[in-house]
Amino acid sequence: RVGPLVISLAAVVLSFLAASPYILLDHAAFLRDFAFESYHMKTGHLGGAAGGPLGAVILFAGAIGWAPLLLAATGAILAVTRRRKEMILLVPVPLLFYFFLSTSRVQAPHYPLPALPALALLGAFPIARAASRFRPARAALLTAFAALLLSTGGIVREVERGRALAAGDSRTAAREWIEENLPPSSLVLLEPHGPQLASAEERRAFGEEAEYGPIREKLLRAAARRPAYHIVSLPTFVVESDRSARYYEIDLYRPFDAVVTTLDVKDRYRTDRVSFPRQNRFYGELERTFRLARTFRPGKGTGSVVEVYLRNGPPSPATEIVLDREGAGSDAYVSYVRTIAGIYEETGRRDAAIALLDALLRLRPRDARTLALAGMTMAESGSLDEASRLLRRSLEIDPSDPKARMNLAVLLCRLGRCGEGLPMLEQLLRERPGDVELLGNLGSANMALGRTGEAERYFRRFLEAAPDHPRSEEIRRLLEGEISPGETPARRRR
């Protein structure tokens, strides 16, 4: 005869699998992800050590309150000493959670939550025993008084939380100060947990990318109310946090206008200077290269301590930049550095862009996307032959890249070789018939060759496909004869 305990255990297992079927359906992924979380618990969050056994007790108290926690402990003792089987079954649940939290290097406030039902029932046990000694009316009164007393701590915490929210957030204050004191389109480096600033890149996407079409105007109107900045976020890795070291090099960011740090991240690195030497060197160089303009503290409100550094004087002249050698094998690192170089080029800091792209090509000489970006940066600086060479090298490595192909075709037109560039654009349009940038560039290329009829046909297709494109007004004026063909060069794609 199967006992109740076996039935209960089987019900638990079946319920767990019914709620999480992919443990069986994708067992390999489950084992991989479970191993990662186990590694995370052993190594810690951002490299920090947890509070051990005492820290686990504080977590439980924060989740349920000190008085209810003591009452639950009393209930557990009574359940064992009085041999109340139905209550003893609840005792292992919080004990197991406490054991795992005590030995883990990661202790988050929400981790004890699954144990709260068992703790609540254990806490109710002493109250029920005490109430059972009185008549029903007095027992009800005693129970109500105990519930009110036990809930007072939670009520006080919620009132304090409400007051803190009403007092404001340091990140909001930092954002408002930055928007008042930093010109739009400035370059801002943000550490995690800092202020939420409007991004110039996101705003441009609102105007250009098709996916935003139905709500483009609303997004643009909302974005216009706030200044937009070129934002780069410093990567922070929860697990194996030493991977962030290669991003903490001041040479990457000398032309930036502002750097915003947060003590939520900074203090984690500064408390362990042996494990994080490069991060701490970065903070020291930051204080010498930039000036601390403002510090925003949460006070009685919420948020982290936010520090805003502004650059001292004009950007330093570009020098030879040495990138992290181990970063050559990291696509994420290469992409990050390439993004910064692209922002430098876009904002007119061309010398800094060229220096950074040179460093990136020394690190990874056959990176097609870096070669393509370097080619267009050289084209904007006037070195058209060098630009053509770099773009051709890029296409030798990745001949399918449509952006590099279009940019090379545009460059050939700028070199007066539209007869060579035009077939490249036509081939691309056959592959991507709905690409409005290609339509516009084909119109410009045909116009440069004197094929006004073909140019007009492509321009009209462009206007039909993208009437709100940033280039649409220019093309309308060209078709109406208000500007001359020479004023409408082909455009590259970023």
Protein backbone atom coordinates (compact mmCIF):
# COMPACT_ATOMS: atom_id res chain seq x y z
CA ARG A 1 0.00 0.00 0.00
CA VAL A 2 1.45 3.33 -1.10
CA GLY A 3 1.81 5.70 1.84
CA PRO A 4 0.67 9.36 1.92
CA LEU A 5 4.27 10.57 1.96
CA VAL A 6 5.10 8.76 -1.32
CA ILE A 7 1.93 10.11 -2.93
CA SER A 8 2.79 13.63 -1.76
CA LEU A 9 6.33 13.42 -3.14
CA ALA A 10 5.07 12.11 -6.48
CA ALA A 11 2.53 14.94 -6.62
CA VAL A 12 5.29 17.47 -5.97
CA VAL A 13 7.48 16.07 -8.77
CA LEU A 14 4.63 15.89 -11.27
CA SER A 15 3.44 19.40 -10.42
CA PHE A 16 6.98 20.74 -10.85
CA LEU A 17 7.37 19.09 -14.26
CA ALA A 18 3.91 20.26 -15.37
CA ALA A 19 4.83 23.84 -14.52
CA SER A 20 8.32 23.53 -16.09
CA PRO A 21 7.95 21.09 -18.99
CA TYR A 22 11.07 22.24 -20.82
CA ILE A 23 13.19 20.60 -18.15
CA LEU A 24 12.33 17.43 -20.07
CA LEU A 25 11.60 18.86 -23.53
CA ASP A 26 14.94 20.70 -23.73
CA HIS A 27 16.98 18.86 -21.13
CA ALA A 28 20.36 19.93 -22.54
CA ALA A 29 19.49 23.63 -22.26
CA PHE A 30 18.18 23.11 -18.73
CA LEU A 31 21.43 21.45 -17.63
CA ARG A 32 23.52 24.17 -19.28
CA ASP A 33 21.53 27.02 -17.72
CA PHE A 34 21.38 25.29 -14.33
CA ALA A 35 25.17 24.85 -14.38
CA PHE A 36 25.57 28.56 -15.18
CA GLU A 37 23.34 29.60 -12.26
CA SER A 38 25.22 27.23 -9.97
CA TYR A 39 28.50 28.81 -11.09
CA HIS A 40 26.97 32.25 -10.48
CA MET A 41 26.01 31.29 -6.91
CA LYS A 42 29.55 30.04 -6.23
CA THR A 43 31.47 32.95 -7.76
CA GLY A 44 29.29 35.82 -6.60
CA HIS A 45 27.53 38.80 -8.11
CA LEU A 46 29.94 41.34 -9.64
CA GLY A 47 32.70 39.61 -7.72
CA GLY A 48 31.28 40.56 -4.32
CA ALA A 49 31.03 38.20 -1.34
CA ALA A 50 27.63 37.71 0.30
CA GLY A 51 26.83 38.11 3.99
CA GLY A 52 27.08 34.46 5.01
CA PRO A 53 24.81 33.00 7.72
CA LEU A 54 24.07 36.38 9.31
CA GLY A 55 23.32 37.92 5.92
CA ALA A 56 20.83 35.12 5.23
CA VAL A 57 19.03 35.84 8.52
CA ILE A 58 18.82 39.54 7.59
CA LEU A 59 17.36 38.59 4.20
CA PHE A 60 14.63 36.51 5.84
CA ALA A 61 13.87 39.33 8.27
CA GLY A 62 13.69 41.79 5.40
CA ALA A 63 11.21 39.56 3.60
CA ILE A 64 8.85 38.82 6.53
CA GLY A 65 9.87 41.14 9.39
CA TRP A 66 11.82 40.44 12.59
CA ALA A 67 8.77 39.73 14.80
CA PRO A 68 7.14 37.25 12.37
CA LEU A 69 10.53 35.57 11.84
CA LEU A 70 11.01 35.08 15.60
CA LEU A 71 7.44 33.83 15.86
CA ALA A 72 8.07 31.34 13.02
CA ALA A 73 11.21 30.12 14.79
CA THR A 74 9.15 29.64 17.95
CA GLY A 75 6.56 27.71 15.93
CA ALA A 76 9.26 25.45 14.48
CA ILE A 77 10.59 24.68 17.95
CA LEU A 78 7.09 23.96 19.27
CA ALA A 79 6.33 21.72 16.28
CA VAL A 80 9.42 19.60 16.97
CA THR A 81 9.15 19.48 20.76
CA ARG A 82 5.40 18.83 20.72
CA ARG A 83 5.79 16.35 17.86
CA ARG A 84 3.10 17.90 15.72
CA LYS A 85 3.63 15.97 12.48
CA GLU A 86 1.57 18.30 10.27
CA MET A 87 3.74 21.24 11.40
CA ILE A 88 7.07 19.39 11.37
CA LEU A 89 6.61 18.86 7.62
CA LEU A 90 6.92 22.66 7.18
CA VAL A 91 10.21 23.01 9.07
CA PRO A 92 12.61 21.69 6.36
CA VAL A 93 11.46 24.29 3.80
CA PRO A 94 12.88 27.46 5.44
CA LEU A 95 15.85 25.52 6.81
CA LEU A 96 16.87 24.36 3.34
CA PHE A 97 16.52 27.88 1.94
CA TYR A 98 18.54 29.25 4.84
CA PHE A 99 21.28 26.67 4.30
CA PHE A 100 21.63 27.43 0.57
CA LEU A 101 21.56 31.19 1.15
CA SER A 102 24.17 30.92 3.92
CA THR A 103 26.61 29.10 1.64
CA SER A 104 25.94 31.17 -1.49
CA ARG A 105 28.00 34.16 -2.61
CA VAL A 106 24.82 35.73 -3.97
CA GLN A 107 22.09 36.85 -1.56
CA ALA A 108 19.25 38.80 -3.18
CA PRO A 109 16.26 40.16 -1.20
CA HIS A 110 13.76 38.08 -3.19
CA TYR A 111 15.50 34.73 -2.70
CA PRO A 112 13.67 33.84 0.59
CA LEU A 113 10.20 34.48 -0.88
CA PRO A 114 9.38 30.80 -1.70
CA ALA A 115 9.82 29.98 2.00
CA LEU A 116 7.34 32.62 3.22
CA PRO A 117 4.17 30.41 3.15
CA ALA A 118 5.87 27.83 5.39
CA LEU A 119 7.16 30.59 7.71
CA ALA A 120 3.70 32.16 7.89
CA LEU A 121 2.08 28.85 8.91
CA LEU A 122 4.82 28.16 11.47
CA GLY A 123 4.35 31.68 12.87
CA ALA A 124 0.61 31.11 13.13
CA PHE A 125 1.12 27.92 15.15
CA PRO A 126 2.09 29.59 18.49
CA ILE A 127 -0.73 32.13 18.10
CA ALA A 128 -3.24 29.33 17.49
CA ARG A 129 -1.99 27.40 20.53
CA ALA A 130 -2.27 30.48 22.72
CA ALA A 131 -5.73 31.37 21.39
CA SER A 132 -7.01 27.83 21.99
CA ARG A 133 -6.83 28.44 25.74
CA PHE A 134 -9.46 31.20 25.61
CA ARG A 135 -13.12 31.36 24.78
CA PRO A 136 -13.92 31.97 21.07
CA ALA A 137 -14.52 35.73 21.43
CA ARG A 138 -11.29 36.33 23.32
CA ALA A 139 -9.40 33.98 21.02
CA ALA A 140 -10.57 35.96 17.98
CA LEU A 141 -9.60 39.24 19.72
CA LEU A 142 -6.15 37.87 20.60
CA THR A 143 -5.60 36.62 17.05
CA ALA A 144 -6.65 39.97 15.55
CA PHE A 145 -4.35 41.84 17.95
CA ALA A 146 -1.42 39.55 17.08
CA ALA A 147 -2.04 39.98 13.34
CA LEU A 148 -2.15 43.78 13.74
CA LEU A 149 1.02 43.77 15.82
CA LEU A 150 2.87 41.57 13.34
CA SER A 151 1.78 43.64 10.33
CA THR A 152 2.94 46.91 11.89
CA GLY A 153 6.51 46.36 10.75
CA GLY A 154 5.40 45.86 7.15
CA ILE A 155 3.15 48.90 7.28
CA VAL A 156 6.01 51.03 8.64
CA ARG A 157 8.32 49.79 5.88
CA GLU A 158 5.78 50.64 3.17
CA VAL A 159 5.26 54.13 4.65
CA GLU A 160 9.02 54.68 4.68
CA ARG A 161 9.24 53.42 1.11
CA GLY A 162 6.49 55.80 0.04
CA ARG A 163 8.29 58.71 1.70
CA ALA A 164 11.53 57.77 -0.04
CA LEU A 165 9.80 57.65 -3.43
CA ALA A 166 8.15 61.02 -2.75
CA ALA A 167 11.53 62.51 -1.79
CA GLY A 168 12.81 61.89 -5.33
CA ASP A 169 15.56 59.84 -6.95
CA SER A 170 19.21 60.82 -7.34
CA ARG A 171 19.21 59.51 -10.92
CA THR A 172 16.32 61.78 -11.87
CA ALA A 173 18.12 64.78 -10.33
CA ALA A 174 21.29 63.87 -12.26
CA ARG A 175 19.34 63.54 -15.53
CA GLU A 176 17.69 66.94 -15.06
CA TRP A 177 21.03 68.61 -14.29
CA ILE A 178 22.72 67.01 -17.32
CA GLU A 179 19.89 68.10 -19.62
CA GLU A 180 20.18 71.67 -18.33
CA ASN A 181 23.98 71.90 -18.49
CA LEU A 182 25.15 69.60 -21.29
CA PRO A 183 24.46 70.59 -24.91
CA PRO A 184 22.51 68.16 -27.13
CA SER A 185 24.59 65.69 -29.16
CA SER A 186 27.30 65.60 -26.48
CA LEU A 187 29.14 62.33 -25.95
CA VAL A 188 28.25 60.73 -22.62
CA LEU A 189 29.75 57.60 -21.07
CA LEU A 190 27.38 55.96 -18.58
CA GLU A 191 28.11 53.41 -15.89
CA PRO A 192 25.15 51.08 -15.12
CA HIS A 193 22.42 52.18 -12.69
CA GLY A 194 22.82 55.81 -13.71
CA PRO A 195 20.36 58.36 -15.18
CA GLN A 196 18.19 57.53 -18.19
CA LEU A 197 19.21 59.96 -20.96
CA ALA A 198 17.65 60.31 -24.41
CA SER A 199 19.76 58.73 -27.14
CA ALA A 200 20.54 60.48 -30.44
CA GLU A 201 20.98 57.09 -32.10
CA GLU A 202 17.51 55.99 -31.02
CA ARG A 203 16.00 59.25 -32.21
CA ARG A 204 17.60 58.82 -35.63
CA ALA A 205 16.19 55.30 -35.81
CA PHE A 206 12.70 56.72 -35.19
CA GLY A 207 13.06 58.79 -38.35
CA GLU A 208 14.72 56.22 -40.60
CA GLU A 209 13.73 52.66 -39.73
CA ALA A 210 10.56 51.26 -41.26
CA GLU A 211 9.41 49.43 -38.11
CA TYR A 212 8.59 52.75 -36.45
CA GLY A 213 6.44 53.96 -39.35
CA PRO A 214 2.93 53.92 -37.77
CA ILE A 215 4.07 55.69 -34.58
CA ARG A 216 7.05 57.64 -35.96
CA GLU A 217 5.52 61.09 -35.48
CA LYS A 218 4.49 60.40 -31.88
CA LEU A 219 7.95 59.09 -31.04
CA LEU A 220 9.67 62.05 -32.66
CA ARG A 221 7.39 64.55 -30.89
CA ALA A 222 8.08 62.91 -27.54
CA ALA A 223 11.82 62.78 -28.22
CA ALA A 224 11.89 66.46 -29.26
CA ARG A 225 10.96 67.52 -25.70
CA ARG A 226 14.32 66.36 -24.36
CA PRO A 227 17.92 66.89 -25.55
CA ALA A 228 19.44 63.78 -27.11
CA TYR A 229 22.99 62.61 -26.49
CA HIS A 230 25.38 60.11 -28.03
CA ILE A 231 25.45 57.53 -25.25
CA VAL A 232 27.85 54.66 -24.61
CA SER A 233 27.16 52.35 -21.66
CA LEU A 234 30.11 50.77 -19.88
CA PRO A 235 29.59 46.99 -19.85
CA THR A 236 29.27 45.33 -16.45
CA PHE A 237 29.26 41.56 -16.12
CA VAL A 238 27.38 39.97 -13.25
CA VAL A 239 29.35 36.73 -13.60
CA GLU A 240 33.11 36.80 -14.19
CA SER A 241 33.09 40.53 -13.59
CA ASP A 242 36.81 40.81 -14.43
CA ARG A 243 35.72 40.68 -18.11
CA SER A 244 34.77 44.34 -17.78
CA ALA A 245 38.42 45.35 -17.28
CA ARG A 246 39.19 45.79 -21.00
CA TYR A 247 36.41 48.39 -21.29
CA TYR A 248 37.83 50.50 -18.46
CA GLU A 249 40.58 52.22 -20.46
CA ILE A 250 40.53 56.01 -20.44
CA ASP A 251 42.16 56.23 -23.90
CA LEU A 252 38.90 54.99 -25.43
CA TYR A 253 36.97 57.93 -24.02
CA ARG A 254 39.24 61.00 -23.92
CA PRO A 255 37.13 62.91 -26.51
CA PHE A 256 33.90 62.31 -24.52
CA ASP A 257 32.18 65.35 -23.06
CA ALA A 258 30.96 63.68 -19.87
CA VAL A 259 31.42 60.50 -17.86
CA VAL A 260 28.73 59.47 -15.35
CA THR A 261 29.71 56.97 -12.65
CA THR A 262 27.56 55.32 -9.97
CA LEU A 263 28.67 54.07 -6.58
CA ASP A 264 26.52 50.95 -7.06
CA VAL A 265 29.24 49.82 -9.47
CA LYS A 266 32.24 51.93 -8.44
CA ASP A 267 32.24 50.79 -4.82
CA ARG A 268 32.22 47.12 -5.84
CA TYR A 269 35.48 47.64 -7.73
CA ARG A 270 37.07 49.94 -5.16
CA THR A 271 36.52 47.53 -2.28
CA ASP A 272 38.68 44.95 -4.09
CA ARG A 273 41.56 46.83 -5.70
CA VAL A 274 43.62 43.64 -6.04
CA SER A 275 41.03 41.89 -8.23
CA PHE A 276 40.11 45.00 -10.24
CA PRO A 277 43.31 47.03 -10.85
CA ARG A 278 42.33 48.33 -14.28
CA GLN A 279 38.94 49.59 -13.14
CA ASN A 280 40.56 51.44 -10.26
CA ARG A 281 43.26 52.87 -12.52
CA PHE A 282 40.47 54.10 -14.80
CA TYR A 283 38.82 55.97 -11.91
CA GLY A 284 42.14 57.61 -11.01
CA GLU A 285 42.79 58.69 -14.61
CA LEU A 286 39.20 59.89 -14.89
CA GLU A 287 39.71 62.26 -11.95
CA ARG A 288 42.86 63.67 -13.62
CA THR A 289 41.45 63.94 -17.15
CA PHE A 290 37.95 65.14 -16.27
CA ARG A 291 36.62 67.29 -13.43
CA LEU A 292 33.93 66.24 -10.99
CA ALA A 293 31.13 68.69 -11.76
CA ARG A 294 28.33 67.39 -9.52
CA THR A 295 27.53 64.58 -7.10
CA PHE A 296 23.94 63.50 -6.56
CA ARG A 297 23.11 61.59 -3.38
CA PRO A 298 19.79 59.88 -2.65
CA GLY A 299 19.52 61.37 0.85
CA LYS A 300 16.07 60.40 2.09
CA GLY A 301 15.06 59.45 -1.45
CA THR A 302 15.96 56.53 -3.70
CA GLY A 303 18.74 55.71 -6.17
CA SER A 304 22.51 55.42 -6.08
CA VAL A 305 25.18 58.08 -5.59
CA VAL A 306 25.73 59.51 -9.09
CA GLU A 307 28.88 61.43 -10.05
CA VAL A 308 29.00 63.56 -13.21
CA TYR A 309 32.46 64.31 -14.64
CA LEU A 310 32.95 66.88 -17.42
CA ARG A 311 35.94 67.06 -19.73
CA ASN A 312 38.61 69.63 -18.92
CA GLY A 313 38.93 71.89 -21.98
CA PRO A 314 39.05 70.70 -25.61
CA PRO A 315 39.56 67.00 -26.44
CA SER A 316 43.11 65.75 -26.19
CA PRO A 317 44.81 65.21 -29.56
CA ALA A 318 44.49 61.66 -30.85
CA THR A 319 47.44 59.44 -29.99
CA GLU A 320 48.28 55.84 -30.74
CA ILE A 321 45.76 53.75 -28.84
CA VAL A 322 46.64 50.27 -27.59
CA LEU A 323 43.66 47.96 -27.20
CA ASP A 324 43.36 44.85 -25.05
CA ARG A 325 45.06 41.98 -26.91
CA GLU A 326 42.72 39.37 -25.51
CA GLY A 327 39.83 41.41 -26.90
CA ALA A 328 40.76 40.27 -30.42
CA GLY A 329 38.82 37.09 -29.76
CA SER A 330 35.74 38.87 -28.44
CA ASP A 331 33.19 39.98 -31.04
CA ALA A 332 31.40 42.00 -28.34
CA TYR A 333 34.56 43.98 -27.51
CA VAL A 334 35.42 44.63 -31.16
CA SER A 335 31.84 45.75 -31.86
CA TYR A 336 31.90 48.05 -28.82
CA VAL A 337 35.12 49.79 -29.91
CA ARG A 338 33.86 50.03 -33.49
CA THR A 339 30.65 51.69 -32.25
CA ILE A 340 32.67 54.33 -30.39
CA ALA A 341 34.77 54.99 -33.51
CA GLY A 342 31.56 55.39 -35.51
CA ILE A 343 30.25 57.94 -33.01
CA TYR A 344 33.53 59.86 -33.17
CA GLU A 345 33.33 60.00 -36.97
CA GLU A 346 29.67 60.99 -36.94
CA THR A 347 30.22 63.83 -34.45
CA GLY A 348 33.18 65.33 -36.29
CA ARG A 349 35.93 63.89 -34.07
CA ARG A 350 37.54 62.33 -37.12
CA ASP A 351 41.12 62.18 -35.82
CA ALA A 352 39.92 60.23 -32.78
CA ALA A 353 37.90 57.91 -35.04
CA ILE A 354 40.89 57.20 -37.28
CA ALA A 355 43.18 56.56 -34.29
CA LEU A 356 40.67 54.13 -32.79
CA LEU A 357 40.05 52.32 -36.08
CA ASP A 358 43.81 51.98 -36.65
CA ALA A 359 44.11 50.39 -33.21
CA LEU A 360 41.20 48.07 -33.98
CA LEU A 361 42.74 46.97 -37.29
CA ARG A 362 46.03 46.24 -35.54
CA LEU A 363 44.06 44.10 -33.12
CA ARG A 364 41.97 42.34 -35.79
CA PRO A 365 43.35 43.11 -39.30
CA ARG A 366 40.75 41.09 -41.21
CA ASP A 367 37.59 42.42 -39.60
CA ALA A 368 35.39 43.31 -42.58
CA ARG A 369 33.07 45.70 -40.73
CA THR A 370 35.98 47.65 -39.24
CA LEU A 371 37.62 47.92 -42.67
CA ALA A 372 34.33 49.20 -44.13
CA LEU A 373 33.92 51.82 -41.39
CA ALA A 374 37.56 52.87 -41.75
CA GLY A 375 37.02 53.23 -45.48
CA MET A 376 34.07 55.59 -45.08
CA THR A 377 35.87 57.55 -42.37
CA MET A 378 38.82 58.07 -44.71
CA ALA A 379 36.40 59.08 -47.47
CA GLU A 380 34.90 61.77 -45.24
CA SER A 381 38.40 63.02 -44.46
CA GLY A 382 39.07 63.41 -48.20
CA SER A 383 41.39 60.39 -48.64
CA LEU A 384 39.23 58.83 -51.34
CA ASP A 385 41.82 56.46 -52.80
CA GLU A 386 42.66 55.05 -49.34
CA ALA A 387 38.95 54.78 -48.64
CA SER A 388 38.44 52.80 -51.84
CA ARG A 389 41.30 50.45 -50.91
CA LEU A 390 39.85 49.77 -47.44
CA LEU A 391 36.35 49.15 -48.80
CA ARG A 392 37.66 46.74 -51.41
CA ARG A 393 39.58 44.85 -48.68
CA SER A 394 36.38 44.67 -46.67
CA LEU A 395 34.51 43.18 -49.63
CA GLU A 396 37.28 40.67 -50.29
CA ILE A 397 36.62 39.29 -46.81
CA ASP A 398 32.82 39.64 -46.87
CA PRO A 399 31.59 40.16 -50.46
CA SER A 400 27.95 39.88 -49.38
CA ASP A 401 27.92 42.99 -47.15
CA PRO A 402 25.29 45.25 -48.77
CA LYS A 403 26.35 48.37 -46.86
CA ALA A 404 29.99 48.07 -47.92
CA ARG A 405 28.96 47.39 -51.53
CA MET A 406 26.67 50.42 -51.61
CA ASN A 407 29.25 52.65 -49.93
CA LEU A 408 31.93 51.59 -52.42
CA ALA A 409 29.56 52.36 -55.30
CA VAL A 410 28.81 55.79 -53.80
CA LEU A 411 32.54 56.40 -53.35
CA LEU A 412 33.23 55.51 -56.97
CA CYS A 413 30.66 58.12 -58.00
CA ARG A 414 32.42 60.67 -55.82
CA LEU A 415 35.65 59.77 -57.61
CA GLY A 416 33.95 60.51 -60.94
CA ARG A 417 33.58 56.81 -61.81
CA CYS A 418 29.78 56.52 -61.74
CA GLY A 419 29.96 54.29 -64.80
CA GLU A 420 31.66 51.70 -62.55
CA GLY A 421 29.54 52.37 -59.48
CA LEU A 422 26.14 52.43 -61.23
CA PRO A 423 26.07 48.68 -62.13
CA MET A 424 26.92 47.85 -58.52
CA LEU A 425 23.92 49.87 -57.31
CA GLU A 426 21.65 48.29 -59.92
CA GLN A 427 22.73 44.79 -58.87
CA LEU A 428 22.08 45.65 -55.23
CA LEU A 429 18.60 46.94 -56.08
CA ARG A 430 17.78 43.66 -57.81
CA GLU A 431 18.71 41.90 -54.57
CA ARG A 432 16.96 44.46 -52.32
CA PRO A 433 14.16 46.00 -54.40
CA GLY A 434 12.58 47.90 -51.52
CA ASP A 435 15.73 49.63 -50.26
CA VAL A 436 15.03 53.38 -50.34
CA GLU A 437 18.69 54.31 -49.82
CA LEU A 438 19.57 52.45 -53.02
CA LEU A 439 16.76 54.21 -54.91
CA GLY A 440 18.05 57.60 -53.80
CA ASN A 441 21.64 56.78 -54.66
CA LEU A 442 20.65 55.37 -58.07
CA GLY A 443 18.82 58.62 -58.76
CA SER A 444 21.92 60.63 -57.82
CA ALA A 445 24.25 58.37 -59.84
CA ASN A 446 22.09 58.62 -62.96
CA MET A 447 21.81 62.36 -62.49
CA ALA A 448 25.63 62.60 -62.35
CA LEU A 449 25.83 60.68 -65.64
CA GLY A 450 23.29 63.00 -67.28
CA ARG A 451 20.52 60.37 -67.40
CA THR A 452 17.83 62.68 -66.11
CA GLY A 453 14.91 60.45 -67.14
CA GLU A 454 16.30 57.45 -65.24
CA ALA A 455 17.22 59.69 -62.30
CA GLU A 456 13.68 61.07 -62.09
CA ARG A 457 12.22 57.55 -62.20
CA TYR A 458 14.34 56.41 -59.27
CA PHE A 459 13.67 59.60 -57.29
CA ARG A 460 9.90 59.22 -57.70
CA ARG A 461 10.07 55.62 -56.53
CA PHE A 462 12.07 56.86 -53.56
CA LEU A 463 9.40 59.43 -52.63
CA GLU A 464 6.61 56.87 -53.00
CA ALA A 465 8.41 54.43 -50.71
CA ALA A 466 9.61 56.93 -48.08
CA PRO A 467 7.75 60.25 -48.21
CA ASP A 468 8.97 61.17 -44.69
CA HIS A 469 12.63 60.23 -45.21
CA PRO A 470 15.11 62.96 -44.13
CA ARG A 471 16.25 63.27 -47.77
CA SER A 472 12.73 63.52 -49.23
CA GLU A 473 12.47 67.32 -49.15
CA GLU A 474 15.82 67.68 -50.92
CA ILE A 475 14.71 65.30 -53.70
CA ARG A 476 11.35 67.06 -54.09
CA ARG A 477 13.14 70.37 -54.57
CA LEU A 478 15.46 68.76 -57.12
CA LEU A 479 12.52 67.39 -59.13
CA GLU A 480 10.84 70.79 -59.03
CA GLY A 481 14.03 72.47 -60.29
CA GLU A 482 14.71 74.48 -57.12
CA ILE A 483 18.22 73.04 -56.69
CA SER A 484 20.75 71.90 -59.23
CA PRO A 485 21.74 68.22 -59.77
CA GLY A 486 25.27 68.89 -58.53
CA GLU A 487 23.91 69.63 -55.07
CA THR A 488 22.51 66.10 -54.59
CA PRO A 489 25.44 63.73 -54.18
CA ALA A 490 24.93 60.06 -53.53
CA ARG A 491 24.65 59.19 -49.87
CA ARG A 492 26.46 56.49 -47.98
CA ARG A 493 24.75 54.22 -45.49
CA ARG A 494 25.98 54.21 -41.92
